[in-house]
Amino acid sequence: MWFRVNPRLPTPIYQQVVDGFKEAIVKGFVKQGDRIPSVRELATLMTLNHNTVAKAYQQLEREHVFEIIQGRGTFVAEFKPPSDSDRDRRLAKIVEMMQQIYIEGHYVQLSEDDLMSLFRETIRKWETGGKDV
């Protein structure tokens, strides 16, 4: 499997599945048009509750990450720019996450420059497949 879930984390399991698939797509482990295991297959493979996996798949379909084709299966959807309302909702979520990062950075005494350097370094690592630059 392209990712793992950890029941000890505070993040709900279904959200870990959602995040895991998104990360696998961004890293190129899974590509547009690739067939994804069915809900039942993934639940069995990862020993997860069927309803947990179904909830994750529903969210991924709502976010246009997955496309479910009746009788054929679940596939990584073609990337399409989000609607204005979806984009606004996602941008609000990003801002909220950035605020949390800023707060945590404050408590480890990171300056704005330190935070920006970390962000740029993280992007470079993702773009190079995790290799140090």
N, C-alpha and C. Protein backbone atom coordinates (compact mmCIF):
# COMPACT_ATOMS: atom_id res chain seq x y z
N MET A 1 0.85 -1.19 0.00
CA MET A 1 0.00 0.00 0.00
C MET A 1 0.89 1.24 0.00
N TRP A 2 0.38 2.34 -0.51
CA TRP A 2 1.14 3.57 -0.66
C TRP A 2 1.23 4.38 0.62
N PHE A 3 0.46 4.01 1.62
CA PHE A 3 0.44 4.77 2.87
C PHE A 3 0.00 3.86 4.00
N ARG A 4 0.15 4.35 5.21
CA ARG A 4 -0.26 3.61 6.40
C ARG A 4 -1.17 4.49 7.24
N VAL A 5 -1.97 3.85 8.06
CA VAL A 5 -2.77 4.58 9.03
C VAL A 5 -2.28 4.21 10.42
N ASN A 6 -2.45 5.13 11.34
CA ASN A 6 -2.01 4.90 12.71
C ASN A 6 -3.17 5.22 13.65
N PRO A 7 -3.76 4.19 14.26
CA PRO A 7 -4.92 4.42 15.13
C PRO A 7 -4.58 5.22 16.38
N ARG A 8 -3.31 5.39 16.68
CA ARG A 8 -2.90 6.16 17.87
C ARG A 8 -2.91 7.67 17.63
N LEU A 9 -2.94 8.06 16.37
CA LEU A 9 -2.96 9.49 16.05
C LEU A 9 -4.33 10.09 16.37
N PRO A 10 -4.36 11.38 16.69
CA PRO A 10 -5.66 12.01 16.95
C PRO A 10 -6.49 12.22 15.68
N THR A 11 -5.86 12.14 14.52
CA THR A 11 -6.57 12.30 13.25
C THR A 11 -7.43 11.06 13.01
N PRO A 12 -8.72 11.24 12.69
CA PRO A 12 -9.58 10.08 12.43
C PRO A 12 -9.00 9.20 11.31
N ILE A 13 -9.25 7.92 11.40
CA ILE A 13 -8.72 6.95 10.43
C ILE A 13 -9.16 7.30 9.00
N TYR A 14 -10.45 7.64 8.83
CA TYR A 14 -10.92 7.95 7.47
C TYR A 14 -10.14 9.13 6.89
N GLN A 15 -9.81 10.13 7.75
CA GLN A 15 -9.05 11.29 7.27
C GLN A 15 -7.62 10.90 6.93
N GLN A 16 -7.06 9.95 7.67
CA GLN A 16 -5.72 9.45 7.34
C GLN A 16 -5.73 8.76 5.98
N VAL A 17 -6.82 8.05 5.67
CA VAL A 17 -6.94 7.41 4.36
C VAL A 17 -7.03 8.48 3.28
N VAL A 18 -7.85 9.49 3.49
CA VAL A 18 -7.98 10.60 2.53
C VAL A 18 -6.62 11.25 2.31
N ASP A 19 -5.96 11.62 3.40
CA ASP A 19 -4.66 12.28 3.31
C ASP A 19 -3.62 11.38 2.66
N GLY A 20 -3.68 10.09 2.97
CA GLY A 20 -2.74 9.13 2.40
C GLY A 20 -2.86 9.03 0.89
N PHE A 21 -4.09 8.96 0.40
CA PHE A 21 -4.29 8.90 -1.05
C PHE A 21 -3.85 10.20 -1.71
N LYS A 22 -4.19 11.33 -1.12
CA LYS A 22 -3.78 12.62 -1.70
C LYS A 22 -2.25 12.71 -1.79
N GLU A 23 -1.58 12.28 -0.71
CA GLU A 23 -0.12 12.31 -0.70
C GLU A 23 0.44 11.36 -1.76
N ALA A 24 -0.13 10.16 -1.88
CA ALA A 24 0.34 9.20 -2.87
C ALA A 24 0.20 9.75 -4.29
N ILE A 25 -0.86 10.50 -4.53
CA ILE A 25 -1.07 11.11 -5.85
C ILE A 25 -0.04 12.21 -6.09
N VAL A 26 0.15 13.08 -5.10
CA VAL A 26 1.11 14.18 -5.24
C VAL A 26 2.52 13.63 -5.47
N LYS A 27 2.86 12.55 -4.76
CA LYS A 27 4.20 11.96 -4.89
C LYS A 27 4.34 11.12 -6.17
N GLY A 28 3.25 10.90 -6.88
CA GLY A 28 3.31 10.16 -8.14
C GLY A 28 3.23 8.65 -7.99
N PHE A 29 2.94 8.15 -6.79
CA PHE A 29 2.77 6.71 -6.61
C PHE A 29 1.50 6.22 -7.29
N VAL A 30 0.53 7.10 -7.36
CA VAL A 30 -0.75 6.81 -8.01
C VAL A 30 -0.98 7.95 -9.00
N LYS A 31 -1.37 7.60 -10.22
CA LYS A 31 -1.52 8.62 -11.25
C LYS A 31 -2.96 8.69 -11.77
N GLN A 32 -3.24 9.79 -12.42
CA GLN A 32 -4.56 10.01 -13.02
C GLN A 32 -4.93 8.80 -13.87
N GLY A 33 -6.14 8.30 -13.67
CA GLY A 33 -6.62 7.17 -14.44
C GLY A 33 -6.33 5.81 -13.81
N ASP A 34 -5.45 5.77 -12.81
CA ASP A 34 -5.15 4.50 -12.14
C ASP A 34 -6.38 3.99 -11.40
N ARG A 35 -6.56 2.68 -11.46
CA ARG A 35 -7.65 2.05 -10.72
C ARG A 35 -7.22 1.92 -9.26
N ILE A 36 -8.14 2.24 -8.37
CA ILE A 36 -7.93 2.18 -6.93
C ILE A 36 -8.63 0.93 -6.40
N PRO A 37 -8.07 0.28 -5.38
CA PRO A 37 -8.78 -0.87 -4.81
C PRO A 37 -10.20 -0.48 -4.38
N SER A 38 -11.12 -1.43 -4.49
CA SER A 38 -12.49 -1.17 -4.04
C SER A 38 -12.49 -0.93 -2.53
N VAL A 39 -13.59 -0.42 -2.03
CA VAL A 39 -13.72 -0.19 -0.59
C VAL A 39 -13.45 -1.49 0.15
N ARG A 40 -14.08 -2.57 -0.29
CA ARG A 40 -13.91 -3.86 0.37
C ARG A 40 -12.45 -4.33 0.29
N GLU A 41 -11.83 -4.19 -0.89
CA GLU A 41 -10.44 -4.62 -1.06
C GLU A 41 -9.51 -3.85 -0.13
N LEU A 42 -9.67 -2.52 -0.07
CA LEU A 42 -8.79 -1.72 0.78
C LEU A 42 -9.03 -2.01 2.25
N ALA A 43 -10.29 -2.15 2.63
CA ALA A 43 -10.61 -2.46 4.03
C ALA A 43 -9.94 -3.77 4.44
N THR A 44 -10.00 -4.78 3.58
CA THR A 44 -9.38 -6.07 3.87
C THR A 44 -7.86 -5.93 3.90
N LEU A 45 -7.31 -5.27 2.89
CA LEU A 45 -5.85 -5.11 2.77
C LEU A 45 -5.25 -4.40 3.98
N MET A 46 -5.96 -3.37 4.47
CA MET A 46 -5.42 -2.56 5.57
C MET A 46 -6.05 -2.90 6.91
N THR A 47 -6.88 -3.93 6.93
CA THR A 47 -7.63 -4.34 8.13
C THR A 47 -8.33 -3.14 8.79
N LEU A 48 -9.13 -2.47 7.98
CA LEU A 48 -9.91 -1.33 8.43
C LEU A 48 -11.39 -1.66 8.31
N ASN A 49 -12.19 -0.92 9.03
CA ASN A 49 -13.63 -1.07 8.96
C ASN A 49 -14.10 -0.60 7.57
N HIS A 50 -14.99 -1.39 6.98
CA HIS A 50 -15.54 -1.08 5.66
C HIS A 50 -16.15 0.33 5.62
N ASN A 51 -16.89 0.70 6.66
CA ASN A 51 -17.54 2.02 6.69
C ASN A 51 -16.52 3.16 6.75
N THR A 52 -15.40 2.93 7.41
CA THR A 52 -14.34 3.94 7.49
C THR A 52 -13.77 4.21 6.10
N VAL A 53 -13.48 3.15 5.37
CA VAL A 53 -12.94 3.29 4.02
C VAL A 53 -13.99 3.93 3.10
N ALA A 54 -15.25 3.51 3.23
CA ALA A 54 -16.32 4.08 2.41
C ALA A 54 -16.44 5.58 2.64
N LYS A 55 -16.32 6.01 3.89
CA LYS A 55 -16.40 7.44 4.22
C LYS A 55 -15.24 8.20 3.56
N ALA A 56 -14.05 7.62 3.59
CA ALA A 56 -12.89 8.26 2.95
C ALA A 56 -13.10 8.37 1.45
N TYR A 57 -13.58 7.29 0.83
CA TYR A 57 -13.80 7.30 -0.62
C TYR A 57 -14.87 8.32 -1.00
N GLN A 58 -15.91 8.44 -0.19
CA GLN A 58 -16.96 9.42 -0.47
C GLN A 58 -16.38 10.84 -0.43
N GLN A 59 -15.53 11.10 0.56
CA GLN A 59 -14.93 12.43 0.65
C GLN A 59 -14.02 12.67 -0.56
N LEU A 60 -13.23 11.67 -0.93
CA LEU A 60 -12.34 11.83 -2.09
C LEU A 60 -13.12 12.03 -3.38
N GLU A 61 -14.27 11.40 -3.48
CA GLU A 61 -15.11 11.61 -4.66
C GLU A 61 -15.71 13.02 -4.64
N ARG A 62 -16.18 13.46 -3.46
CA ARG A 62 -16.74 14.83 -3.34
C ARG A 62 -15.70 15.88 -3.71
N GLU A 63 -14.44 15.60 -3.38
CA GLU A 63 -13.36 16.56 -3.67
C GLU A 63 -12.79 16.37 -5.07
N HIS A 64 -13.41 15.49 -5.86
CA HIS A 64 -13.01 15.23 -7.25
C HIS A 64 -11.60 14.67 -7.37
N VAL A 65 -11.17 13.95 -6.33
CA VAL A 65 -9.88 13.26 -6.37
C VAL A 65 -10.10 11.88 -6.98
N PHE A 66 -11.22 11.25 -6.64
CA PHE A 66 -11.59 9.94 -7.18
C PHE A 66 -12.80 10.10 -8.07
N GLU A 67 -12.89 9.18 -9.02
CA GLU A 67 -14.07 9.09 -9.88
C GLU A 67 -14.54 7.64 -9.80
N ILE A 68 -15.79 7.45 -9.43
CA ILE A 68 -16.35 6.11 -9.33
C ILE A 68 -17.19 5.86 -10.57
N ILE A 69 -16.82 4.82 -11.31
CA ILE A 69 -17.55 4.45 -12.53
C ILE A 69 -18.26 3.14 -12.25
N GLN A 70 -19.59 3.21 -12.21
CA GLN A 70 -20.40 2.03 -11.87
C GLN A 70 -20.02 0.85 -12.77
N GLY A 71 -19.78 -0.27 -12.14
CA GLY A 71 -19.47 -1.49 -12.86
C GLY A 71 -18.02 -1.63 -13.27
N ARG A 72 -17.24 -0.56 -13.13
CA ARG A 72 -15.83 -0.61 -13.55
C ARG A 72 -14.89 -0.43 -12.38
N GLY A 73 -15.26 0.42 -11.42
CA GLY A 73 -14.41 0.62 -10.26
C GLY A 73 -14.16 2.07 -9.92
N THR A 74 -13.17 2.27 -9.07
CA THR A 74 -12.79 3.60 -8.60
C THR A 74 -11.45 3.96 -9.20
N PHE A 75 -11.35 5.19 -9.71
CA PHE A 75 -10.15 5.62 -10.41
C PHE A 75 -9.72 7.00 -9.90
N VAL A 76 -8.43 7.29 -10.06
CA VAL A 76 -7.94 8.64 -9.77
C VAL A 76 -8.49 9.54 -10.87
N ALA A 77 -9.20 10.58 -10.47
CA ALA A 77 -9.87 11.46 -11.43
C ALA A 77 -8.87 12.36 -12.15
N GLU A 78 -9.31 12.80 -13.31
CA GLU A 78 -8.55 13.80 -14.06
C GLU A 78 -8.57 15.09 -13.26
N PHE A 79 -7.42 15.74 -13.14
CA PHE A 79 -7.37 16.97 -12.35
C PHE A 79 -8.12 18.07 -13.09
N LYS A 80 -9.03 18.70 -12.35
CA LYS A 80 -9.78 19.84 -12.88
C LYS A 80 -9.73 20.93 -11.82
N PRO A 81 -9.57 22.17 -12.22
CA PRO A 81 -9.60 23.24 -11.23
C PRO A 81 -10.92 23.22 -10.45
N PRO A 82 -10.86 23.47 -9.15
CA PRO A 82 -12.09 23.43 -8.35
C PRO A 82 -13.01 24.60 -8.68
N SER A 83 -14.28 24.42 -8.35
CA SER A 83 -15.23 25.52 -8.51
C SER A 83 -14.81 26.64 -7.56
N ASP A 84 -15.34 27.84 -7.78
CA ASP A 84 -14.99 28.97 -6.94
C ASP A 84 -15.32 28.70 -5.47
N SER A 85 -16.49 28.13 -5.21
CA SER A 85 -16.88 27.90 -3.81
C SER A 85 -15.99 26.83 -3.17
N ASP A 86 -15.65 25.78 -3.93
CA ASP A 86 -14.77 24.73 -3.41
C ASP A 86 -13.38 25.30 -3.17
N ARG A 87 -12.93 26.12 -4.10
CA ARG A 87 -11.60 26.75 -3.95
C ARG A 87 -11.57 27.63 -2.72
N ASP A 88 -12.60 28.42 -2.51
CA ASP A 88 -12.67 29.30 -1.34
C ASP A 88 -12.65 28.50 -0.05
N ARG A 89 -13.40 27.39 -0.03
CA ARG A 89 -13.45 26.54 1.16
C ARG A 89 -12.08 25.93 1.44
N ARG A 90 -11.42 25.47 0.39
CA ARG A 90 -10.09 24.86 0.56
C ARG A 90 -9.05 25.90 0.96
N LEU A 91 -9.14 27.10 0.39
CA LEU A 91 -8.20 28.16 0.78
C LEU A 91 -8.38 28.52 2.25
N ALA A 92 -9.62 28.57 2.72
CA ALA A 92 -9.88 28.85 4.13
C ALA A 92 -9.24 27.78 5.02
N LYS A 93 -9.31 26.54 4.58
CA LYS A 93 -8.69 25.44 5.34
C LYS A 93 -7.17 25.61 5.37
N ILE A 94 -6.58 25.99 4.23
CA ILE A 94 -5.13 26.21 4.17
C ILE A 94 -4.72 27.34 5.11
N VAL A 95 -5.47 28.42 5.10
CA VAL A 95 -5.17 29.55 5.99
C VAL A 95 -5.23 29.10 7.45
N GLU A 96 -6.24 28.31 7.78
CA GLU A 96 -6.37 27.80 9.15
C GLU A 96 -5.14 26.95 9.54
N MET A 97 -4.70 26.10 8.62
CA MET A 97 -3.53 25.27 8.90
C MET A 97 -2.27 26.13 9.05
N MET A 98 -2.17 27.17 8.22
CA MET A 98 -1.01 28.06 8.30
C MET A 98 -1.00 28.82 9.61
N GLN A 99 -2.17 29.19 10.08
CA GLN A 99 -2.24 29.87 11.38
C GLN A 99 -1.75 28.95 12.49
N GLN A 100 -2.13 27.67 12.42
CA GLN A 100 -1.66 26.70 13.42
C GLN A 100 -0.15 26.55 13.35
N ILE A 101 0.41 26.51 12.14
CA ILE A 101 1.86 26.41 11.97
C ILE A 101 2.54 27.63 12.57
N TYR A 102 1.97 28.81 12.33
CA TYR A 102 2.54 30.04 12.89
C TYR A 102 2.54 30.00 14.41
N ILE A 103 1.44 29.55 14.98
CA ILE A 103 1.35 29.47 16.45
C ILE A 103 2.38 28.49 16.99
N GLU A 104 2.47 27.31 16.38
CA GLU A 104 3.46 26.32 16.83
C GLU A 104 4.88 26.86 16.65
N GLY A 105 5.11 27.55 15.54
CA GLY A 105 6.42 28.16 15.30
C GLY A 105 6.79 29.16 16.37
N HIS A 106 5.81 29.91 16.80
CA HIS A 106 6.04 30.89 17.87
C HIS A 106 6.57 30.22 19.13
N TYR A 107 5.99 29.06 19.46
CA TYR A 107 6.36 28.37 20.69
C TYR A 107 7.70 27.65 20.62
N VAL A 108 8.26 27.54 19.42
CA VAL A 108 9.63 27.03 19.31
C VAL A 108 10.57 28.13 18.83
N GLN A 109 10.07 29.35 18.96
CA GLN A 109 10.83 30.58 18.70
C GLN A 109 11.39 30.66 17.28
N LEU A 110 10.52 30.34 16.30
CA LEU A 110 10.90 30.49 14.90
C LEU A 110 10.46 31.87 14.42
N SER A 111 11.35 32.52 13.70
CA SER A 111 11.02 33.81 13.11
C SER A 111 10.23 33.58 11.83
N GLU A 112 9.70 34.66 11.27
CA GLU A 112 9.00 34.57 9.99
C GLU A 112 9.94 34.01 8.93
N ASP A 113 11.19 34.48 8.92
CA ASP A 113 12.17 33.98 7.96
C ASP A 113 12.42 32.48 8.15
N ASP A 114 12.51 32.04 9.42
CA ASP A 114 12.70 30.61 9.70
C ASP A 114 11.53 29.79 9.14
N LEU A 115 10.31 30.27 9.38
CA LEU A 115 9.12 29.56 8.89
C LEU A 115 9.11 29.51 7.36
N MET A 116 9.43 30.61 6.72
CA MET A 116 9.43 30.63 5.26
C MET A 116 10.52 29.71 4.71
N SER A 117 11.68 29.67 5.35
CA SER A 117 12.75 28.77 4.92
C SER A 117 12.32 27.31 5.05
N LEU A 118 11.67 26.99 6.16
CA LEU A 118 11.16 25.62 6.34
C LEU A 118 10.15 25.26 5.27
N PHE A 119 9.28 26.21 4.95
CA PHE A 119 8.26 25.96 3.93
C PHE A 119 8.92 25.72 2.57
N ARG A 120 9.88 26.58 2.20
CA ARG A 120 10.57 26.41 0.92
C ARG A 120 11.34 25.09 0.88
N GLU A 121 11.99 24.73 1.98
CA GLU A 121 12.73 23.47 2.06
C GLU A 121 11.78 22.28 1.90
N THR A 122 10.63 22.35 2.53
CA THR A 122 9.64 21.28 2.42
C THR A 122 9.17 21.13 0.98
N ILE A 123 8.89 22.23 0.32
CA ILE A 123 8.46 22.19 -1.09
C ILE A 123 9.55 21.57 -1.95
N ARG A 124 10.80 22.00 -1.75
CA ARG A 124 11.91 21.44 -2.55
C ARG A 124 12.04 19.94 -2.34
N LYS A 125 11.88 19.48 -1.10
CA LYS A 125 11.98 18.04 -0.84
C LYS A 125 10.86 17.28 -1.54
N TRP A 126 9.65 17.83 -1.53
CA TRP A 126 8.54 17.18 -2.20
C TRP A 126 8.79 17.13 -3.71
N GLU A 127 9.30 18.22 -4.24
CA GLU A 127 9.52 18.28 -5.69
C GLU A 127 10.65 17.38 -6.15
N THR A 128 11.57 17.04 -5.25
CA THR A 128 12.69 16.16 -5.60
C THR A 128 12.48 14.74 -5.10
N GLY A 129 11.24 14.44 -4.69
CA GLY A 129 10.94 13.09 -4.23
C GLY A 129 11.50 12.75 -2.86
N GLY A 130 11.70 13.77 -2.02
CA GLY A 130 12.18 13.54 -0.67
C GLY A 130 13.69 13.53 -0.55
N LYS A 131 14.38 13.72 -1.68
CA LYS A 131 15.84 13.74 -1.63
C LYS A 131 16.31 15.10 -1.12
N ASP A 132 17.38 15.08 -0.36
CA ASP A 132 17.94 16.34 0.10
C ASP A 132 18.49 17.13 -1.07
N VAL A 133 18.29 18.44 -1.00
CA VAL A 133 18.79 19.30 -2.09
C VAL A 133 20.00 20.06 -1.64
